[in-house]
C-alpha cells in the first residue's frame, strides 16, 4: 500500500507540473498579442489560418510562423501575410505580391489589396498542419477559462479544503 501511495503521489506531481507548464505557455501566448490580436515574439508572429485560402500549401487550421520582413526584401510573387482592418476589427489576409512600392513602403497583392509596411505581417517561415485549430480553441476566451483558469481555481479550493481538514483534525501520520 505504501508503494502505491508513493506512485500515486509521483504521478500527480508529474501531471501537475505538466499542467502548470501548459498553463504558463498559454498565458505567455495570450500576453504577447500585438495590436492586431496575433501572438508576436519580436519579429516572429504566430498566425492561425481560420478560413479557407486560395493559396496552395495553407489549409484551415494551420499554424504559420511568419517572420516580419522589410518592404525592400519583398519581391513580386512572394507570399505575404498582412493585416486588414474592417470595422475596427483586424483580420489576417494572405496573398501573392503583385507589385512592390519601395518609395511608399507598401505592397499590393495580385487581387489589388494594398498594404503599407505597418500592416505587413511578413513572409511565412514554417507551417504546422492542424495545430492552429487546437491553439485557437485554447487561446480563445472561453477555452482559456475552461482549460486553464477553472482547473486552477478548483485546485486552489481543494488545497484550502485540505488545509482546513489538516488544521481541524491534525496531520495524518502513518
Protein backbone atom coordinates (compact mmCIF):
# COMPACT_ATOMS: atom_id res chain seq x y z
CA UNK A 1 0.00 0.00 0.00
CA UNK A 2 2.84 2.34 0.82
CA UNK A 3 4.40 1.83 -2.62
CA UNK A 4 1.08 2.50 -4.37
CA UNK A 5 0.64 5.80 -2.49
CA UNK A 6 4.16 6.82 -3.48
CA UNK A 7 3.48 6.04 -7.19
CA UNK A 8 0.19 7.96 -6.98
CA UNK A 9 1.94 10.97 -5.46
CA UNK A 10 4.68 10.93 -8.13
CA UNK A 11 2.09 10.59 -10.90
CA UNK A 12 0.03 13.51 -9.60
CA UNK A 13 3.18 15.61 -9.25
CA UNK A 14 4.19 14.93 -12.86
CA UNK A 15 0.68 15.71 -14.13
CA UNK A 16 0.56 18.89 -12.04
CA UNK A 17 3.93 20.13 -13.30
CA UNK A 18 2.94 19.42 -16.93
CA UNK A 19 -0.42 21.16 -16.49
CA UNK A 20 1.08 24.28 -14.93
CA UNK A 21 3.78 24.40 -17.64
CA UNK A 22 0.98 24.19 -20.23
CA UNK A 23 -0.99 26.94 -18.47
CA UNK A 24 2.09 29.14 -18.29
CA UNK A 25 2.79 28.68 -22.03
CA UNK A 26 -0.80 29.55 -22.95
CA UNK A 27 -0.69 32.63 -20.72
CA UNK A 28 2.53 33.77 -22.39
CA UNK A 29 0.93 33.30 -25.82
CA UNK A 30 -2.04 35.44 -24.78
CA UNK A 31 0.06 38.16 -23.15
CA UNK A 32 2.21 38.58 -26.27
CA UNK A 33 -0.61 39.62 -28.59
CA UNK A 34 0.06 42.59 -30.87
CA UNK A 35 -2.36 45.37 -31.89
CA UNK A 36 -3.97 43.01 -34.42
CA UNK A 37 -4.71 40.24 -31.89
CA UNK A 38 -1.95 37.96 -33.20
CA UNK A 39 0.69 36.40 -30.95
CA UNK A 40 4.04 38.03 -31.71
CA UNK A 41 7.53 37.48 -30.28
CA UNK A 42 9.87 40.15 -31.62
CA UNK A 43 9.78 39.88 -35.43
CA UNK A 44 8.03 36.50 -35.44
CA UNK A 45 4.23 36.12 -35.46
CA UNK A 46 2.14 33.00 -34.95
CA UNK A 47 -0.77 33.21 -37.38
CA UNK A 48 -3.65 30.74 -37.36
CA UNK A 49 -5.37 30.12 -40.69
CA UNK A 50 -9.02 30.40 -39.68
CA UNK A 51 -10.63 30.49 -43.15
CA UNK A 52 -10.16 28.62 -46.39
CA UNK A 53 -7.47 30.30 -48.50
CA UNK A 54 -6.84 30.04 -52.22
CA UNK A 55 -3.06 29.84 -51.91
CA UNK A 56 -1.56 26.37 -52.13
CA UNK A 57 0.12 24.95 -49.03
CA UNK A 58 -2.21 26.53 -46.49
CA UNK A 59 -5.36 24.97 -45.11
CA UNK A 60 -7.86 25.96 -42.47
CA UNK A 61 -6.46 25.08 -39.05
CA UNK A 62 -2.77 25.51 -39.91
CA UNK A 63 -0.39 27.44 -37.68
CA UNK A 64 2.02 29.57 -39.70
CA UNK A 65 5.19 31.07 -38.26
CA UNK A 66 5.61 34.41 -40.04
CA UNK A 67 8.81 36.46 -39.99
CA UNK A 68 8.46 40.24 -40.33
CA UNK A 69 10.19 41.41 -43.49
CA UNK A 70 11.23 44.83 -44.72
CA UNK A 71 9.46 46.04 -47.86
CA UNK A 72 12.82 46.11 -49.70
CA UNK A 73 13.16 42.34 -49.16
CA UNK A 74 9.73 41.53 -50.61
CA UNK A 75 9.61 40.64 -54.29
CA UNK A 76 6.83 40.20 -56.81
CA UNK A 77 5.38 36.69 -56.48
CA UNK A 78 6.21 36.27 -52.76
CA UNK A 79 3.51 35.03 -50.42
CA UNK A 80 2.95 37.64 -47.71
CA UNK A 81 0.64 37.95 -44.72
CA UNK A 82 -0.97 41.31 -43.97
CA UNK A 83 -3.39 42.84 -41.51
CA UNK A 84 -6.66 44.30 -42.72
CA UNK A 85 -8.89 46.46 -40.52
CA UNK A 86 -12.65 46.19 -41.05
CA UNK A 87 -14.98 47.98 -38.64
CA UNK A 88 -12.14 48.31 -36.08
CA UNK A 89 -11.57 44.54 -36.18
CA UNK A 90 -8.28 43.19 -37.53
CA UNK A 91 -8.18 40.25 -39.94
CA UNK A 92 -5.14 38.48 -41.28
CA UNK A 93 -5.01 38.28 -45.07
CA UNK A 94 -2.70 36.16 -47.17
CA UNK A 95 -1.81 36.90 -50.76
CA UNK A 96 0.74 36.82 -53.52
CA UNK A 97 2.57 40.08 -54.07
CA UNK A 98 1.65 41.73 -57.37
CA UNK A 99 3.64 44.96 -57.03
CA UNK A 100 6.16 46.40 -54.61
CA UNK A 101 6.33 50.15 -54.00
CA UNK A 102 9.61 50.78 -52.12
CA UNK A 103 9.23 54.58 -52.20
CA UNK A 104 5.85 54.43 -50.40
CA UNK A 105 6.97 51.40 -48.35
CA UNK A 106 3.93 49.41 -49.42
CA UNK A 107 2.96 46.39 -51.47
CA UNK A 108 -0.13 45.27 -53.34
CA UNK A 109 -1.44 41.77 -53.74
CA UNK A 110 -2.40 40.32 -57.10
CA UNK A 111 -6.06 40.88 -56.16
CA UNK A 112 -5.41 44.64 -55.80
CA UNK A 113 -5.35 44.99 -52.00
CA UNK A 114 -2.61 47.41 -50.93
CA UNK A 115 -0.75 47.27 -47.60
CA UNK A 116 1.65 49.77 -46.07
CA UNK A 117 4.59 48.47 -44.02
CA UNK A 118 2.60 48.99 -40.81
CA UNK A 119 0.06 46.38 -41.96
CA UNK A 120 2.51 43.80 -43.35
CA UNK A 121 2.93 40.82 -41.02
CA UNK A 122 5.69 39.24 -43.09
CA UNK A 123 6.68 36.14 -45.04
CA UNK A 124 5.86 32.61 -43.90
CA UNK A 125 8.75 30.64 -42.43
CA UNK A 126 7.18 27.38 -41.31
CA UNK A 127 3.73 25.75 -41.39
CA UNK A 128 2.41 23.37 -38.74
CA UNK A 129 -0.56 21.43 -40.11
CA UNK A 130 -3.64 21.22 -37.89
CA UNK A 131 -2.10 22.78 -34.76
CA UNK A 132 -3.80 26.13 -35.33
CA UNK A 133 -7.29 24.73 -34.66
CA UNK A 134 -6.32 23.46 -31.22
CA UNK A 135 -4.37 26.62 -30.44
CA UNK A 136 -7.29 28.85 -31.44
CA UNK A 137 -9.61 26.98 -29.05
CA UNK A 138 -7.11 27.08 -26.19
CA UNK A 139 -6.30 30.79 -26.63
CA UNK A 140 -9.92 31.84 -27.05
CA UNK A 141 -11.58 33.50 -24.06
CA UNK A 142 -13.81 30.52 -23.24
CA UNK A 143 -11.10 27.97 -23.95
CA UNK A 144 -8.66 29.70 -21.62
CA UNK A 145 -11.36 29.97 -18.95
CA UNK A 146 -12.32 26.28 -19.00
CA UNK A 147 -8.92 24.74 -19.78
CA UNK A 148 -6.66 26.91 -17.63
CA UNK A 149 -8.46 29.13 -15.12
CA UNK A 150 -11.25 26.82 -13.90
CA UNK A 151 -8.94 23.86 -13.10
CA UNK A 152 -6.53 26.24 -11.31
CA UNK A 153 -9.43 27.59 -9.26
CA UNK A 154 -10.60 24.07 -8.38
CA UNK A 155 -7.08 23.06 -7.32
CA UNK A 156 -6.89 26.20 -5.18
CA UNK A 157 -10.24 25.38 -3.49
CA UNK A 158 -9.11 21.78 -2.88
CA UNK A 159 -5.87 22.96 -1.28
CA UNK A 160 -7.78 25.29 1.05
CA UNK A 161 -10.12 22.40 1.94
CA UNK A 162 -7.11 20.12 2.65
CA UNK A 163 -5.51 22.81 4.81
CA UNK A 164 -8.72 23.26 6.85
CA UNK A 165 -9.06 19.49 7.36
CA UNK A 166 -5.42 19.25 8.45
CA UNK A 167 -5.82 22.13 10.90
CA UNK A 168 -9.09 20.77 12.28
CA UNK A 169 -8.16 17.09 12.60
CA UNK A 170 -4.35 17.26 12.75
CA UNK A 171 -1.75 15.83 10.42
CA UNK A 172 -2.38 12.36 9.03
CA UNK A 173 0.51 10.35 10.49
CA UNK A 174 1.33 6.86 9.32
